[in-house]
Amino acid sequence: MPCDYRLKKEKDFNLVFNKGKRLYSNNLTVLYFASDCIKAGYAVSKKHGGSVKRNKIKRLLRESFRSFTPDIRQNFFFVFIPKVSDDYSLDRFRESMGYLFKKGGILK
């Protein structure tokens, strides 16, 4: 992949939020839009807690996404939005991402 994996620009986030498709699970919502490379952004609101907790959630989401990148069949921009919960774990996010990617036909 020639691109950096992080979705950083506001215009890219707006593109995904306005024109992207949405998939839902119990723990996660993913928005995706076809592009020229694979990039992912994470939208974790203040409803999830303080900055330490929000950053932990983003780290868990990043690691979960990293495990799926070799199996993604096409280039997309992704935005992951976790649902508010008492417990956040790597296994729950991986399970939800796998379910959503299979549901959307994103995996090879």
PDB file of N, CA and C in Angstrom:
ATOM      1  N   MET A   1       0.831  -1.180   0.000  1.00  0.00           N
ATOM      2  CA  MET A   1       0.000   0.000   0.000  1.00  0.00           C
ATOM      3  C   MET A   1       0.882   1.253   0.000  1.00  0.00           C
ATOM      4  N   PRO A   2       0.774   2.069  -1.006  1.00  0.00           N
ATOM      5  CA  PRO A   2       1.612   3.263  -1.051  1.00  0.00           C
ATOM      6  C   PRO A   2       1.146   4.364  -0.107  1.00  0.00           C
ATOM      7  N   CYS A   3      -0.067   4.286   0.405  1.00  0.00           N
ATOM      8  CA  CYS A   3      -0.621   5.354   1.235  1.00  0.00           C
ATOM      9  C   CYS A   3      -0.396   5.085   2.718  1.00  0.00           C
ATOM     10  N   ASP A   4      -0.417   6.142   3.485  1.00  0.00           N
ATOM     11  CA  ASP A   4      -0.470   6.034   4.935  1.00  0.00           C
ATOM     12  C   ASP A   4      -1.874   5.544   5.291  1.00  0.00           C
ATOM     13  N   TYR A   5      -1.995   4.729   6.335  1.00  0.00           N
ATOM     14  CA  TYR A   5      -3.286   4.129   6.681  1.00  0.00           C
ATOM     15  C   TYR A   5      -4.247   5.079   7.389  1.00  0.00           C
ATOM     16  N   ARG A   6      -3.784   6.258   7.824  1.00  0.00           N
ATOM     17  CA  ARG A   6      -4.634   7.125   8.639  1.00  0.00           C
ATOM     18  C   ARG A   6      -5.413   8.124   7.796  1.00  0.00           C
ATOM     19  N   LEU A   7      -6.681   8.237   8.110  1.00  0.00           N
ATOM     20  CA  LEU A   7      -7.552   9.232   7.496  1.00  0.00           C
ATOM     21  C   LEU A   7      -7.454  10.480   8.352  1.00  0.00           C
ATOM     22  N   LYS A   8      -6.891  11.564   7.815  1.00  0.00           N
ATOM     23  CA  LYS A   8      -6.580  12.735   8.627  1.00  0.00           C
ATOM     24  C   LYS A   8      -7.349  13.994   8.228  1.00  0.00           C
ATOM     25  N   LYS A   9      -7.576  14.169   6.941  1.00  0.00           N
ATOM     26  CA  LYS A   9      -8.130  15.433   6.464  1.00  0.00           C
ATOM     27  C   LYS A   9      -9.631  15.534   6.692  1.00  0.00           C
ATOM     28  N   GLU A  10     -10.060  16.722   7.042  1.00  0.00           N
ATOM     29  CA  GLU A  10     -11.479  16.964   7.290  1.00  0.00           C
ATOM     30  C   GLU A  10     -12.308  16.690   6.042  1.00  0.00           C
ATOM     31  N   LYS A  11     -11.792  17.040   4.869  1.00  0.00           N
ATOM     32  CA  LYS A  11     -12.559  16.813   3.638  1.00  0.00           C
ATOM     33  C   LYS A  11     -12.765  15.313   3.381  1.00  0.00           C
ATOM     34  N   ASP A  12     -11.777  14.484   3.764  1.00  0.00           N
ATOM     35  CA  ASP A  12     -11.936  13.045   3.610  1.00  0.00           C
ATOM     36  C   ASP A  12     -12.987  12.490   4.573  1.00  0.00           C
ATOM     37  N   PHE A  13     -12.964  12.962   5.823  1.00  0.00           N
ATOM     38  CA  PHE A  13     -13.987  12.555   6.786  1.00  0.00           C
ATOM     39  C   PHE A  13     -15.373  12.969   6.300  1.00  0.00           C
ATOM     40  N   ASN A  14     -15.493  14.205   5.828  1.00  0.00           N
ATOM     41  CA  ASN A  14     -16.785  14.694   5.334  1.00  0.00           C
ATOM     42  C   ASN A  14     -17.279  13.868   4.140  1.00  0.00           C
ATOM     43  N   LEU A  15     -16.357  13.478   3.262  1.00  0.00           N
ATOM     44  CA  LEU A  15     -16.711  12.661   2.113  1.00  0.00           C
ATOM     45  C   LEU A  15     -17.303  11.329   2.569  1.00  0.00           C
ATOM     46  N   VAL A  16     -16.661  10.702   3.533  1.00  0.00           N
ATOM     47  CA  VAL A  16     -17.150   9.413   4.028  1.00  0.00           C
ATOM     48  C   VAL A  16     -18.484   9.581   4.747  1.00  0.00           C
ATOM     49  N   PHE A  17     -18.601  10.616   5.586  1.00  0.00           N
ATOM     50  CA  PHE A  17     -19.843  10.826   6.327  1.00  0.00           C
ATOM     51  C   PHE A  17     -21.005  11.176   5.400  1.00  0.00           C
ATOM     52  N   ASN A  18     -20.757  11.943   4.344  1.00  0.00           N
ATOM     53  CA  ASN A  18     -21.839  12.381   3.466  1.00  0.00           C
ATOM     54  C   ASN A  18     -22.204  11.372   2.383  1.00  0.00           C
ATOM     55  N   LYS A  19     -21.211  10.693   1.799  1.00  0.00           N
ATOM     56  CA  LYS A  19     -21.485   9.829   0.656  1.00  0.00           C
ATOM     57  C   LYS A  19     -21.221   8.353   0.913  1.00  0.00           C
ATOM     58  N   GLY A  20     -20.673   8.023   2.069  1.00  0.00           N
ATOM     59  CA  GLY A  20     -20.312   6.632   2.346  1.00  0.00           C
ATOM     60  C   GLY A  20     -21.496   5.775   2.739  1.00  0.00           C
ATOM     61  N   LYS A  21     -21.271   4.472   2.703  1.00  0.00           N
ATOM     62  CA  LYS A  21     -22.270   3.502   3.145  1.00  0.00           C
ATOM     63  C   LYS A  21     -22.017   3.188   4.612  1.00  0.00           C
ATOM     64  N   ARG A  22     -23.078   2.790   5.314  1.00  0.00           N
ATOM     65  CA  ARG A  22     -22.982   2.502   6.747  1.00  0.00           C
ATOM     66  C   ARG A  22     -23.363   1.055   7.024  1.00  0.00           C
ATOM     67  N   LEU A  23     -22.611   0.483   7.968  1.00  0.00           N
ATOM     68  CA  LEU A  23     -22.923  -0.854   8.455  1.00  0.00           C
ATOM     69  C   LEU A  23     -22.941  -0.791   9.975  1.00  0.00           C
ATOM     70  N   TYR A  24     -23.849  -1.548  10.586  1.00  0.00           N
ATOM     71  CA  TYR A  24     -24.042  -1.478  12.033  1.00  0.00           C
ATOM     72  C   TYR A  24     -23.881  -2.851  12.677  1.00  0.00           C
ATOM     73  N   SER A  25     -23.301  -2.853  13.876  1.00  0.00           N
ATOM     74  CA  SER A  25     -23.287  -4.041  14.728  1.00  0.00           C
ATOM     75  C   SER A  25     -23.603  -3.587  16.146  1.00  0.00           C
ATOM     76  N   ASN A  26     -23.568  -4.518  17.098  1.00  0.00           N
ATOM     77  CA  ASN A  26     -23.867  -4.163  18.486  1.00  0.00           C
ATOM     78  C   ASN A  26     -22.834  -3.225  19.100  1.00  0.00           C
ATOM     79  N   ASN A  27     -21.577  -3.351  18.697  1.00  0.00           N
ATOM     80  CA  ASN A  27     -20.498  -2.581  19.321  1.00  0.00           C
ATOM     81  C   ASN A  27     -19.916  -1.486  18.450  1.00  0.00           C
ATOM     82  N   LEU A  28     -20.243  -1.490  17.155  1.00  0.00           N
ATOM     83  CA  LEU A  28     -19.496  -0.647  16.226  1.00  0.00           C
ATOM     84  C   LEU A  28     -20.346  -0.243  15.040  1.00  0.00           C
ATOM     85  N   THR A  29     -20.072   0.950  14.526  1.00  0.00           N
ATOM     86  CA  THR A  29     -20.629   1.393  13.261  1.00  0.00           C
ATOM     87  C   THR A  29     -19.461   1.697  12.346  1.00  0.00           C
ATOM     88  N   VAL A  30     -19.533   1.253  11.106  1.00  0.00           N
ATOM     89  CA  VAL A  30     -18.472   1.551  10.152  1.00  0.00           C
ATOM     90  C   VAL A  30     -19.085   2.247   8.945  1.00  0.00           C
ATOM     91  N   LEU A  31     -18.415   3.306   8.503  1.00  0.00           N
ATOM     92  CA  LEU A  31     -18.787   4.007   7.290  1.00  0.00           C
ATOM     93  C   LEU A  31     -17.649   3.789   6.311  1.00  0.00           C
ATOM     94  N   TYR A  32     -17.958   3.532   5.034  1.00  0.00           N
ATOM     95  CA  TYR A  32     -16.893   3.305   4.064  1.00  0.00           C
ATOM     96  C   TYR A  32     -17.259   3.894   2.716  1.00  0.00           C
ATOM     97  N   PHE A  33     -16.213   4.278   1.989  1.00  0.00           N
ATOM     98  CA  PHE A  33     -16.370   4.925   0.696  1.00  0.00           C
ATOM     99  C   PHE A  33     -15.207   4.483  -0.190  1.00  0.00           C
ATOM    100  N   ALA A  34     -15.477   4.082  -1.415  1.00  0.00           N
ATOM    101  CA  ALA A  34     -14.426   3.618  -2.324  1.00  0.00           C
ATOM    102  C   ALA A  34     -13.450   4.748  -2.631  1.00  0.00           C
ATOM    103  N   SER A  35     -12.147   4.406  -2.650  1.00  0.00           N
ATOM    104  CA  SER A  35     -11.121   5.408  -2.911  1.00  0.00           C
ATOM    105  C   SER A  35      -9.938   4.759  -3.617  1.00  0.00           C
ATOM    106  N   ASP A  36      -8.816   5.472  -3.680  1.00  0.00           N
ATOM    107  CA  ASP A  36      -7.636   4.959  -4.361  1.00  0.00           C
ATOM    108  C   ASP A  36      -6.678   4.217  -3.435  1.00  0.00           C
ATOM    109  N   CYS A  37      -6.887   4.283  -2.127  1.00  0.00           N
ATOM    110  CA  CYS A  37      -6.047   3.557  -1.170  1.00  0.00           C
ATOM    111  C   CYS A  37      -6.849   3.298   0.108  1.00  0.00           C
ATOM    112  N   ILE A  38      -6.304   2.441   0.956  1.00  0.00           N
ATOM    113  CA  ILE A  38      -6.985   2.098   2.203  1.00  0.00           C
ATOM    114  C   ILE A  38      -6.560   3.066   3.293  1.00  0.00           C
ATOM    115  N   LYS A  39      -7.537   3.742   3.888  1.00  0.00           N
ATOM    116  CA  LYS A  39      -7.288   4.632   5.020  1.00  0.00           C
ATOM    117  C   LYS A  39      -8.414   4.478   6.027  1.00  0.00           C
ATOM    118  N   ALA A  40      -8.078   4.662   7.303  1.00  0.00           N
ATOM    119  CA  ALA A  40      -9.087   4.519   8.352  1.00  0.00           C
ATOM    120  C   ALA A  40      -9.008   5.687   9.312  1.00  0.00           C
ATOM    121  N   GLY A  41     -10.186   6.141   9.726  1.00  0.00           N
ATOM    122  CA  GLY A  41     -10.307   7.181  10.741  1.00  0.00           C
ATOM    123  C   GLY A  41     -11.202   6.681  11.853  1.00  0.00           C
ATOM    124  N   TYR A  42     -11.082   7.306  13.014  1.00  0.00           N
ATOM    125  CA  TYR A  42     -11.824   6.846  14.188  1.00  0.00           C
ATOM    126  C   TYR A  42     -12.505   8.043  14.823  1.00  0.00           C
ATOM    127  N   ALA A  43     -13.814   7.937  15.045  1.00  0.00           N
ATOM    128  CA  ALA A  43     -14.595   9.013  15.642  1.00  0.00           C
ATOM    129  C   ALA A  43     -15.094   8.530  17.005  1.00  0.00           C
ATOM    130  N   VAL A  44     -14.415   8.965  18.054  1.00  0.00           N
ATOM    131  CA  VAL A  44     -14.765   8.557  19.418  1.00  0.00           C
ATOM    132  C   VAL A  44     -15.165   9.823  20.166  1.00  0.00           C
ATOM    133  N   SER A  45     -16.439   9.916  20.540  1.00  0.00           N
ATOM    134  CA  SER A  45     -16.952  11.139  21.149  1.00  0.00           C
ATOM    135  C   SER A  45     -16.649  11.201  22.642  1.00  0.00           C
ATOM    136  N   LYS A  46     -16.915  12.336  23.224  1.00  0.00           N
ATOM    137  CA  LYS A  46     -16.675  12.539  24.648  1.00  0.00           C
ATOM    138  C   LYS A  46     -17.649  11.758  25.523  1.00  0.00           C
ATOM    139  N   LYS A  47     -18.679  11.195  24.917  1.00  0.00           N
ATOM    140  CA  LYS A  47     -19.613  10.347  25.674  1.00  0.00           C
ATOM    141  C   LYS A  47     -18.924   9.090  26.195  1.00  0.00           C
ATOM    142  N   HIS A  48     -17.803   8.730  25.581  1.00  0.00           N
ATOM    143  CA  HIS A  48     -17.085   7.521  25.970  1.00  0.00           C
ATOM    144  C   HIS A  48     -16.225   7.718  27.211  1.00  0.00           C
ATOM    145  N   GLY A  49     -15.977   8.945  27.593  1.00  0.00           N
ATOM    146  CA  GLY A  49     -15.166   9.194  28.784  1.00  0.00           C
ATOM    147  C   GLY A  49     -14.083  10.220  28.513  1.00  0.00           C
ATOM    148  N   GLY A  50     -13.116  10.248  29.417  1.00  0.00           N
ATOM    149  CA  GLY A  50     -12.011  11.194  29.307  1.00  0.00           C
ATOM    150  C   GLY A  50     -11.051  10.832  28.182  1.00  0.00           C
ATOM    151  N   SER A  51     -10.039  11.671  28.010  1.00  0.00           N
ATOM    152  CA  SER A  51      -9.121  11.500  26.887  1.00  0.00           C
ATOM    153  C   SER A  51      -8.345  10.193  26.970  1.00  0.00           C
ATOM    154  N   VAL A  52      -8.004   9.753  28.164  1.00  0.00           N
ATOM    155  CA  VAL A  52      -7.261   8.505  28.311  1.00  0.00           C
ATOM    156  C   VAL A  52      -8.086   7.333  27.797  1.00  0.00           C
ATOM    157  N   LYS A  53      -9.344   7.291  28.161  1.00  0.00           N
ATOM    158  CA  LYS A  53     -10.230   6.207  27.724  1.00  0.00           C
ATOM    159  C   LYS A  53     -10.495   6.281  26.222  1.00  0.00           C
ATOM    160  N   ARG A  54     -10.704   7.488  25.695  1.00  0.00           N
ATOM    161  CA  ARG A  54     -10.939   7.644  24.255  1.00  0.00           C
ATOM    162  C   ARG A  54      -9.720   7.199  23.448  1.00  0.00           C
ATOM    163  N   ASN A  55      -8.525   7.553  23.919  1.00  0.00           N
ATOM    164  CA  ASN A  55      -7.314   7.139  23.216  1.00  0.00           C
ATOM    165  C   ASN A  55      -7.116   5.629  23.272  1.00  0.00           C
ATOM    166  N   LYS A  56      -7.477   5.011  24.385  1.00  0.00           N
ATOM    167  CA  LYS A  56      -7.393   3.557  24.493  1.00  0.00           C
ATOM    168  C   LYS A  56      -8.332   2.899  23.489  1.00  0.00           C
ATOM    169  N   ILE A  57      -9.534   3.432  23.363  1.00  0.00           N
ATOM    170  CA  ILE A  57     -10.501   2.892  22.402  1.00  0.00           C
ATOM    171  C   ILE A  57      -9.942   3.007  20.987  1.00  0.00           C
ATOM    172  N   LYS A  58      -9.328   4.141  20.665  1.00  0.00           N
ATOM    173  CA  LYS A  58      -8.748   4.325  19.331  1.00  0.00           C
ATOM    174  C   LYS A  58      -7.601   3.353  19.084  1.00  0.00           C
ATOM    175  N   ARG A  59      -6.779   3.109  20.088  1.00  0.00           N
ATOM    176  CA  ARG A  59      -5.686   2.140  19.952  1.00  0.00           C
ATOM    177  C   ARG A  59      -6.234   0.737  19.682  1.00  0.00           C
ATOM    178  N   LEU A  60      -7.284   0.366  20.403  1.00  0.00           N
ATOM    179  CA  LEU A  60      -7.900  -0.943  20.197  1.00  0.00           C
ATOM    180  C   LEU A  60      -8.501  -1.057  18.785  1.00  0.00           C
ATOM    181  N   LEU A  61      -9.161   0.005  18.331  1.00  0.00           N
ATOM    182  CA  LEU A  61      -9.743   0.001  16.992  1.00  0.00           C
ATOM    183  C   LEU A  61      -8.657  -0.086  15.918  1.00  0.00           C
ATOM    184  N   ARG A  62      -7.566   0.663  16.101  1.00  0.00           N
ATOM    185  CA  ARG A  62      -6.460   0.623  15.145  1.00  0.00           C
ATOM    186  C   ARG A  62      -5.877  -0.778  15.026  1.00  0.00           C
ATOM    187  N   GLU A  63      -5.653  -1.408  16.159  1.00  0.00           N
ATOM    188  CA  GLU A  63      -5.089  -2.762  16.151  1.00  0.00           C
ATOM    189  C   GLU A  63      -6.062  -3.760  15.524  1.00  0.00           C
ATOM    190  N   SER A  64      -7.329  -3.624  15.805  1.00  0.00           N
ATOM    191  CA  SER A  64      -8.333  -4.501  15.195  1.00  0.00           C
ATOM    192  C   SER A  64      -8.333  -4.342  13.678  1.00  0.00           C
ATOM    193  N   PHE A  65      -8.305  -3.106  13.214  1.00  0.00           N
ATOM    194  CA  PHE A  65      -8.321  -2.841  11.775  1.00  0.00           C
ATOM    195  C   PHE A  65      -7.058  -3.375  11.113  1.00  0.00           C
ATOM    196  N   ARG A  66      -5.925  -3.228  11.778  1.00  0.00           N
ATOM    197  CA  ARG A  66      -4.645  -3.677  11.237  1.00  0.00           C
ATOM    198  C   ARG A  66      -4.673  -5.177  10.923  1.00  0.00           C
ATOM    199  N   SER A  67      -5.391  -5.948  11.712  1.00  0.00           N
ATOM    200  CA  SER A  67      -5.440  -7.393  11.476  1.00  0.00           C
ATOM    201  C   SER A  67      -6.270  -7.749  10.234  1.00  0.00           C
ATOM    202  N   PHE A  68      -7.133  -6.841   9.769  1.00  0.00           N
ATOM    203  CA  PHE A  68      -7.976  -7.116   8.605  1.00  0.00           C
ATOM    204  C   PHE A  68      -7.435  -6.522   7.306  1.00  0.00           C
ATOM    205  N   THR A  69      -6.480  -5.611   7.355  1.00  0.00           N
ATOM    206  CA  THR A  69      -6.035  -4.911   6.141  1.00  0.00           C
ATOM    207  C   THR A  69      -5.545  -5.829   5.025  1.00  0.00           C
ATOM    208  N   PRO A  70      -4.832  -6.941   5.297  1.00  0.00           N
ATOM    209  CA  PRO A  70      -4.403  -7.780   4.165  1.00  0.00           C
ATOM    210  C   PRO A  70      -5.564  -8.465   3.442  1.00  0.00           C
ATOM    211  N   ASP A  71      -6.709  -8.604   4.098  1.00  0.00           N
ATOM    212  CA  ASP A  71      -7.841  -9.341   3.516  1.00  0.00           C
ATOM    213  C   ASP A  71      -8.881  -8.454   2.854  1.00  0.00           C
ATOM    214  N   ILE A  72      -8.696  -7.148   2.867  1.00  0.00           N
ATOM    215  CA  ILE A  72      -9.675  -6.239   2.255  1.00  0.00           C
ATOM    216  C   ILE A  72      -9.504  -6.289   0.747  1.00  0.00           C
ATOM    217  N   ARG A  73     -10.608  -6.509   0.024  1.00  0.00           N
ATOM    218  CA  ARG A  73     -10.547  -6.777  -1.411  1.00  0.00           C
ATOM    219  C   ARG A  73     -10.406  -5.528  -2.274  1.00  0.00           C
ATOM    220  N   GLN A  74     -10.766  -4.359  -1.759  1.00  0.00           N
ATOM    221  CA  GLN A  74     -10.768  -3.135  -2.555  1.00  0.00           C
ATOM    222  C   GLN A  74     -10.334  -1.991  -1.656  1.00  0.00           C
ATOM    223  N   ASN A  75      -9.889  -0.903  -2.247  1.00  0.00           N
ATOM    224  CA  ASN A  75      -9.464   0.251  -1.467  1.00  0.00           C
ATOM    225  C   ASN A  75     -10.664   1.086  -1.041  1.00  0.00           C
ATOM    226  N   PHE A  76     -10.695   1.408   0.250  1.00  0.00           N
ATOM    227  CA  PHE A  76     -11.781   2.198   0.825  1.00  0.00           C
ATOM    228  C   PHE A  76     -11.218   3.174   1.841  1.00  0.00           C
ATOM    229  N   PHE A  77     -11.973   4.232   2.070  1.00  0.00           N
ATOM    230  CA  PHE A  77     -11.794   5.056   3.263  1.00  0.00           C
ATOM    231  C   PHE A  77     -12.789   4.516   4.285  1.00  0.00           C
ATOM    232  N   PHE A  78     -12.347   4.299   5.510  1.00  0.00           N
ATOM    233  CA  PHE A  78     -13.203   3.799   6.576  1.00  0.00           C
ATOM    234  C   PHE A  78     -13.250   4.802   7.713  1.00  0.00           C
ATOM    235  N   VAL A  79     -14.406   4.922   8.349  1.00  0.00           N
ATOM    236  CA  VAL A  79     -14.529   5.637   9.622  1.00  0.00           C
ATOM    237  C   VAL A  79     -15.248   4.698  10.583  1.00  0.00           C
ATOM    238  N   PHE A  80     -14.607   4.451  11.718  1.00  0.00           N
ATOM    239  CA  PHE A  80     -15.159   3.563  12.731  1.00  0.00           C
ATOM    240  C   PHE A  80     -15.692   4.389  13.893  1.00  0.00           C
ATOM    241  N   ILE A  81     -16.923   4.094  14.298  1.00  0.00           N
ATOM    242  CA  ILE A  81     -17.568   4.793  15.411  1.00  0.00           C
ATOM    243  C   ILE A  81     -18.008   3.738  16.427  1.00  0.00           C
ATOM    244  N   PRO A  82     -17.345   3.671  17.587  1.00  0.00           N
ATOM    245  CA  PRO A  82     -17.754   2.686  18.586  1.00  0.00           C
ATOM    246  C   PRO A  82     -19.015   3.138  19.312  1.00  0.00           C
ATOM    247  N   LYS A  83     -19.784   2.173  19.776  1.00  0.00           N
ATOM    248  CA  LYS A  83     -20.968   2.496  20.575  1.00  0.00           C
ATOM    249  C   LYS A  83     -20.569   2.533  22.041  1.00  0.00           C
ATOM    250  N   VAL A  84     -21.228   3.378  22.814  1.00  0.00           N
ATOM    251  CA  VAL A  84     -20.899   3.553  24.231  1.00  0.00           C
ATOM    252  C   VAL A  84     -21.157   2.251  24.975  1.00  0.00           C
ATOM    253  N   SER A  85     -20.185   1.846  25.772  1.00  0.00           N
ATOM    254  CA  SER A  85     -20.264   0.589  26.503  1.00  0.00           C
ATOM    255  C   SER A  85     -19.445   0.707  27.788  1.00  0.00           C
ATOM    256  N   ASP A  86     -19.680  -0.216  28.714  1.00  0.00           N
ATOM    257  CA  ASP A  86     -18.887  -0.241  29.944  1.00  0.00           C
ATOM    258  C   ASP A  86     -17.553  -0.932  29.722  1.00  0.00           C
ATOM    259  N   ASP A  87     -17.521  -1.866  28.763  1.00  0.00           N
ATOM    260  CA  ASP A  87     -16.335  -2.675  28.550  1.00  0.00           C
ATOM    261  C   ASP A  87     -15.917  -2.594  27.083  1.00  0.00           C
ATOM    262  N   TYR A  88     -14.655  -2.243  26.856  1.00  0.00           N
ATOM    263  CA  TYR A  88     -14.102  -2.215  25.507  1.00  0.00           C
ATOM    264  C   TYR A  88     -12.942  -3.198  25.476  1.00  0.00           C
ATOM    265  N   SER A  89     -12.944  -4.098  24.504  1.00  0.00           N
ATOM    266  CA  SER A  89     -11.845  -5.049  24.416  1.00  0.00           C
ATOM    267  C   SER A  89     -11.486  -5.286  22.952  1.00  0.00           C
ATOM    268  N   LEU A  90     -10.273  -5.726  22.755  1.00  0.00           N
ATOM    269  CA  LEU A  90      -9.773  -6.000  21.420  1.00  0.00           C
ATOM    270  C   LEU A  90     -10.586  -7.105  20.749  1.00  0.00           C
ATOM    271  N   ASP A  91     -10.927  -8.128  21.496  1.00  0.00           N
ATOM    272  CA  ASP A  91     -11.692  -9.244  20.931  1.00  0.00           C
ATOM    273  C   ASP A  91     -13.073  -8.812  20.453  1.00  0.00           C
ATOM    274  N   ARG A  92     -13.734  -7.958  21.225  1.00  0.00           N
ATOM    275  CA  ARG A  92     -15.075  -7.484  20.831  1.00  0.00           C
ATOM    276  C   ARG A  92     -15.004  -6.650  19.554  1.00  0.00           C
ATOM    277  N   PHE A  93     -13.981  -5.779  19.463  1.00  0.00           N
ATOM    278  CA  PHE A  93     -13.841  -4.956  18.259  1.00  0.00           C
ATOM    279  C   PHE A  93     -13.474  -5.810  17.042  1.00  0.00           C
ATOM    280  N   ARG A  94     -12.597  -6.798  17.215  1.00  0.00           N
ATOM    281  CA  ARG A  94     -12.241  -7.678  16.097  1.00  0.00           C
ATOM    282  C   ARG A  94     -13.455  -8.465  15.619  1.00  0.00           C
ATOM    283  N   GLU A  95     -14.213  -8.969  16.563  1.00  0.00           N
ATOM    284  CA  GLU A  95     -15.416  -9.729  16.217  1.00  0.00           C
ATOM    285  C   GLU A  95     -16.409  -8.852  15.451  1.00  0.00           C
ATOM    286  N   SER A  96     -16.621  -7.635  15.934  1.00  0.00           N
ATOM    287  CA  SER A  96     -17.561  -6.717  15.275  1.00  0.00           C
ATOM    288  C   SER A  96     -17.072  -6.319  13.889  1.00  0.00           C
ATOM    289  N   MET A  97     -15.771  -6.025  13.764  1.00  0.00           N
ATOM    290  CA  MET A  97     -15.226  -5.654  12.452  1.00  0.00           C
ATOM    291  C   MET A  97     -15.341  -6.804  11.467  1.00  0.00           C
ATOM    292  N   GLY A  98     -15.014  -8.011  11.907  1.00  0.00           N
ATOM    293  CA  GLY A  98     -15.133  -9.169  11.030  1.00  0.00           C
ATOM    294  C   GLY A  98     -16.561  -9.365  10.555  1.00  0.00           C
ATOM    295  N   TYR A  99     -17.501  -9.233  11.471  1.00  0.00           N
ATOM    296  CA  TYR A  99     -18.921  -9.358  11.128  1.00  0.00           C
ATOM    297  C   TYR A  99     -19.329  -8.291  10.103  1.00  0.00           C
ATOM    298  N   LEU A 100     -18.937  -7.033  10.353  1.00  0.00           N
ATOM    299  CA  LEU A 100     -19.328  -5.939   9.461  1.00  0.00           C
ATOM    300  C   LEU A 100     -18.672  -6.060   8.085  1.00  0.00           C
ATOM    301  N   PHE A 101     -17.395  -6.439   8.059  1.00  0.00           N
ATOM    302  CA  PHE A 101     -16.716  -6.580   6.771  1.00  0.00           C
ATOM    303  C   PHE A 101     -17.317  -7.717   5.950  1.00  0.00           C
ATOM    304  N   LYS A 102     -17.697  -8.803   6.589  1.00  0.00           N
ATOM    305  CA  LYS A 102     -18.346  -9.901   5.869  1.00  0.00           C
ATOM    306  C   LYS A 102     -19.733  -9.481   5.405  1.00  0.00           C
ATOM    307  N   LYS A 103     -20.452  -8.762   6.256  1.00  0.00           N
ATOM    308  CA  LYS A 103     -21.797  -8.289   5.919  1.00  0.00           C
ATOM    309  C   LYS A 103     -21.776  -7.359   4.710  1.00  0.00           C
ATOM    310  N   GLY A 104     -20.749  -6.500   4.639  1.00  0.00           N
ATOM    311  CA  GLY A 104     -20.650  -5.548   3.528  1.00  0.00           C
ATOM    312  C   GLY A 104     -19.927  -6.090   2.310  1.00  0.00           C
ATOM    313  N   GLY A 105     -19.408  -7.316   2.389  1.00  0.00           N
ATOM    314  CA  GLY A 105     -18.678  -7.887   1.262  1.00  0.00           C
ATOM    315  C   GLY A 105     -17.339  -7.213   1.027  1.00  0.00           C
ATOM    316  N   ILE A 106     -16.710  -6.752   2.079  1.00  0.00           N
ATOM    317  CA  ILE A 106     -15.456  -6.002   1.965  1.00  0.00           C
ATOM    318  C   ILE A 106     -14.255  -6.928   1.956  1.00  0.00           C
ATOM    319  N   LEU A 107     -14.371  -8.091   2.591  1.00  0.00           N
ATOM    320  CA  LEU A 107     -13.251  -9.025   2.662  1.00  0.00           C
ATOM    321  C   LEU A 107     -13.168  -9.862   1.390  1.00  0.00           C
ATOM    322  N   LYS A 108     -11.954 -10.364   1.097  1.00  0.00           N
ATOM    323  CA  LYS A 108     -11.726 -11.221  -0.079  1.00  0.00           C
ATOM    324  C   LYS A 108     -12.467 -12.535   0.070  1.00  0.00           C
TER     325      LYS A 108
END
